[in-house]
Amino acid sequence: MLDTLRRLFADEGEKPRFDEDDHRLAAATLLVYAATIDGHLSEAEREKLHSLVQARFRLTEAEAGELIEAAVAAEQQAIDFYQFTARLNRALDEKGRARVVEMMWQIVFADGTVNEFEDNLIWRAADLLHVPREQRIALRARVAGARPEDVNNGP
């Protein structure tokens, strides 16, 4: 499945390099985790992943594809996602880290459902990114289009 994602975003032209210290790679890798944790990458999730990466990091379509390809490779090699949250903690302020959590919610809501694996992943990532529970719930509600008190608050 991840090889298919990598091929979908592959580009044969000249590419910028996203090295392992690049916070964009760390964020994109968390988004890949969110998109694939349930074992199924829907077309809606794939499209949302590409559009979020391209818009958030102001990349061309080819650059976004390269970043996602690098993120897929990083995700496949990672034991856990702590290395990515640690990199984001060093590179981003509070608002930037919250934006990563919001993008994760956007990915998991792209297919219309959020399962317990996706919810737990975002809860753990938000905790490691020092995004408070209340803010995580508010971000989920905003992405879902609901009031925070109407959203299953999870762990």
Protein backbone atom coordinates (compact mmCIF):
# COMPACT_ATOMS: atom_id res chain seq x y z
CA MET A 1 0.00 0.00 0.00
CA LEU A 2 2.73 2.47 0.90
CA ASP A 3 4.68 1.57 -2.23
CA THR A 4 1.59 2.48 -4.24
CA LEU A 5 1.42 5.83 -2.44
CA ARG A 6 5.10 6.44 -3.14
CA ARG A 7 4.64 5.68 -6.84
CA LEU A 8 1.59 7.94 -7.06
CA PHE A 9 3.65 10.91 -5.95
CA ALA A 10 6.90 10.05 -7.73
CA ASP A 11 8.30 12.61 -10.17
CA GLU A 12 11.18 12.09 -12.56
CA GLY A 13 12.30 15.75 -12.73
CA GLU A 14 14.80 17.70 -10.63
CA LYS A 15 13.73 17.60 -6.98
CA PRO A 16 14.54 19.59 -3.89
CA ARG A 17 15.98 17.59 -1.03
CA PHE A 18 14.03 17.07 2.18
CA ASP A 19 16.60 15.86 4.67
CA GLU A 20 15.86 14.14 7.94
CA ASP A 21 16.22 17.37 9.93
CA ASP A 22 13.57 19.17 7.87
CA HIS A 23 10.50 19.86 10.02
CA ARG A 24 8.33 19.55 6.90
CA LEU A 25 9.44 15.94 6.57
CA ALA A 26 8.59 15.30 10.23
CA ALA A 27 5.11 16.80 9.79
CA ALA A 28 4.48 14.95 6.53
CA THR A 29 5.54 11.68 8.16
CA LEU A 30 2.98 12.16 10.94
CA LEU A 31 0.37 12.81 8.25
CA VAL A 32 1.37 9.58 6.49
CA TYR A 33 1.03 7.74 9.82
CA ALA A 34 -2.46 9.22 10.21
CA ALA A 35 -3.45 8.33 6.66
CA THR A 36 -2.29 4.73 6.87
CA ILE A 37 -2.69 3.65 10.49
CA ASP A 38 -6.02 1.97 9.82
CA GLY A 39 -4.43 -0.20 7.12
CA HIS A 40 -6.34 1.46 4.31
CA LEU A 41 -5.46 4.58 2.35
CA SER A 42 -8.61 5.91 0.76
CA GLU A 43 -8.53 8.12 -2.30
CA ALA A 44 -9.94 10.95 -0.18
CA GLU A 45 -7.10 10.57 2.34
CA ARG A 46 -4.50 10.45 -0.43
CA GLU A 47 -5.87 13.62 -2.03
CA LYS A 48 -6.13 15.41 1.32
CA LEU A 49 -2.57 14.42 2.20
CA HIS A 50 -1.26 15.86 -1.05
CA SER A 51 -3.29 19.08 -0.87
CA LEU A 52 -2.39 19.73 2.79
CA VAL A 53 1.33 19.23 2.23
CA GLN A 54 1.31 21.34 -0.90
CA ALA A 55 -0.68 24.21 0.63
CA ARG A 56 0.84 24.22 4.13
CA PHE A 57 4.43 24.18 2.95
CA ARG A 58 3.85 26.22 -0.23
CA LEU A 59 5.22 23.55 -2.52
CA THR A 60 4.67 22.80 -6.16
CA GLU A 61 2.76 19.65 -6.96
CA ALA A 62 6.03 17.85 -7.77
CA GLU A 63 7.69 19.07 -4.57
CA ALA A 64 4.69 17.93 -2.52
CA GLY A 65 4.96 14.52 -4.17
CA GLU A 66 8.64 14.33 -3.32
CA LEU A 67 8.01 15.31 0.30
CA ILE A 68 5.31 12.66 0.63
CA GLU A 69 7.60 10.09 -0.96
CA ALA A 70 10.31 10.96 1.57
CA ALA A 71 7.73 10.82 4.38
CA VAL A 72 6.56 7.36 3.31
CA ALA A 73 10.18 6.16 3.36
CA ALA A 74 10.77 7.75 6.77
CA GLU A 75 7.59 6.19 8.15
CA GLN A 76 8.59 2.74 6.89
CA GLN A 77 12.00 3.01 8.58
CA ALA A 78 10.78 4.47 11.87
CA ILE A 79 10.26 2.40 14.98
CA ASP A 80 7.88 4.98 16.41
CA PHE A 81 6.98 8.59 15.75
CA TYR A 82 8.75 10.19 18.73
CA GLN A 83 11.67 11.28 16.53
CA PHE A 84 9.26 13.27 14.38
CA THR A 85 7.42 14.94 17.25
CA ALA A 86 10.77 15.80 18.88
CA ARG A 87 11.91 17.46 15.66
CA LEU A 88 8.67 19.42 15.45
CA ASN A 89 8.99 20.50 19.08
CA ARG A 90 12.40 21.96 18.31
CA ALA A 91 11.32 23.66 15.06
CA LEU A 92 7.80 24.92 15.71
CA ASP A 93 6.11 27.17 18.21
CA GLU A 94 2.87 26.29 19.99
CA LYS A 95 0.71 27.48 17.09
CA GLY A 96 2.73 25.49 14.56
CA ARG A 97 2.49 22.29 16.60
CA ALA A 98 -1.26 22.75 16.96
CA ARG A 99 -1.48 23.20 13.19
CA VAL A 100 0.19 19.79 12.72
CA VAL A 101 -2.43 18.20 14.99
CA GLU A 102 -5.18 19.96 13.03
CA MET A 103 -3.75 18.61 9.77
CA MET A 104 -3.73 15.12 11.25
CA TRP A 105 -7.43 15.50 12.07
CA GLN A 106 -8.05 16.69 8.51
CA ILE A 107 -6.39 13.56 7.17
CA VAL A 108 -8.35 11.13 9.32
CA PHE A 109 -11.67 12.90 8.70
CA ALA A 110 -11.05 12.93 4.93
CA ASP A 111 -12.77 9.56 4.47
CA GLY A 112 -15.68 10.51 6.73
CA THR A 113 -14.84 8.25 9.66
CA VAL A 114 -12.38 8.22 12.54
CA ASN A 115 -11.55 4.89 14.10
CA GLU A 116 -9.96 4.18 17.46
CA PHE A 117 -6.47 3.72 15.97
CA GLU A 118 -6.59 7.13 14.29
CA ASP A 119 -7.99 8.80 17.38
CA ASN A 120 -5.35 7.21 19.61
CA LEU A 121 -2.54 8.17 17.23
CA ILE A 122 -3.57 11.82 17.28
CA TRP A 123 -4.03 11.78 21.05
CA ARG A 124 -0.48 10.42 21.48
CA ALA A 125 1.02 12.79 18.89
CA ALA A 126 -0.74 15.81 20.41
CA ASP A 127 0.54 14.82 23.84
CA LEU A 128 4.12 14.54 22.53
CA LEU A 129 3.71 17.88 20.73
CA HIS A 130 2.53 19.50 23.99
CA VAL A 131 -0.87 20.36 22.53
CA PRO A 132 -3.27 20.38 25.49
CA ARG A 133 -6.22 17.96 25.60
CA GLU A 134 -8.75 20.79 25.37
CA GLN A 135 -7.06 22.21 22.29
CA ARG A 136 -6.85 18.75 20.67
CA ILE A 137 -10.57 18.28 21.25
CA ALA A 138 -11.36 21.76 19.91
CA LEU A 139 -9.27 21.11 16.80
CA ARG A 140 -11.09 17.82 16.24
CA ALA A 141 -14.44 19.56 16.62
CA ARG A 142 -13.47 22.31 14.21
CA VAL A 143 -12.33 19.83 11.57
CA ALA A 144 -15.43 17.68 12.13
CA GLY A 145 -17.69 20.73 12.01
CA ALA A 146 -19.07 20.06 15.47
CA ARG A 147 -19.04 21.71 18.87
CA PRO A 148 -16.34 20.37 21.22
CA GLU A 149 -18.95 18.98 23.63
CA ASP A 150 -20.51 16.98 20.76
CA VAL A 151 -17.27 15.24 19.87
CA ASN A 152 -16.23 11.93 21.42
CA ASN A 153 -13.33 13.17 23.53
CA GLY A 154 -11.32 9.96 23.38
CA PRO A 155 -8.48 9.33 25.81
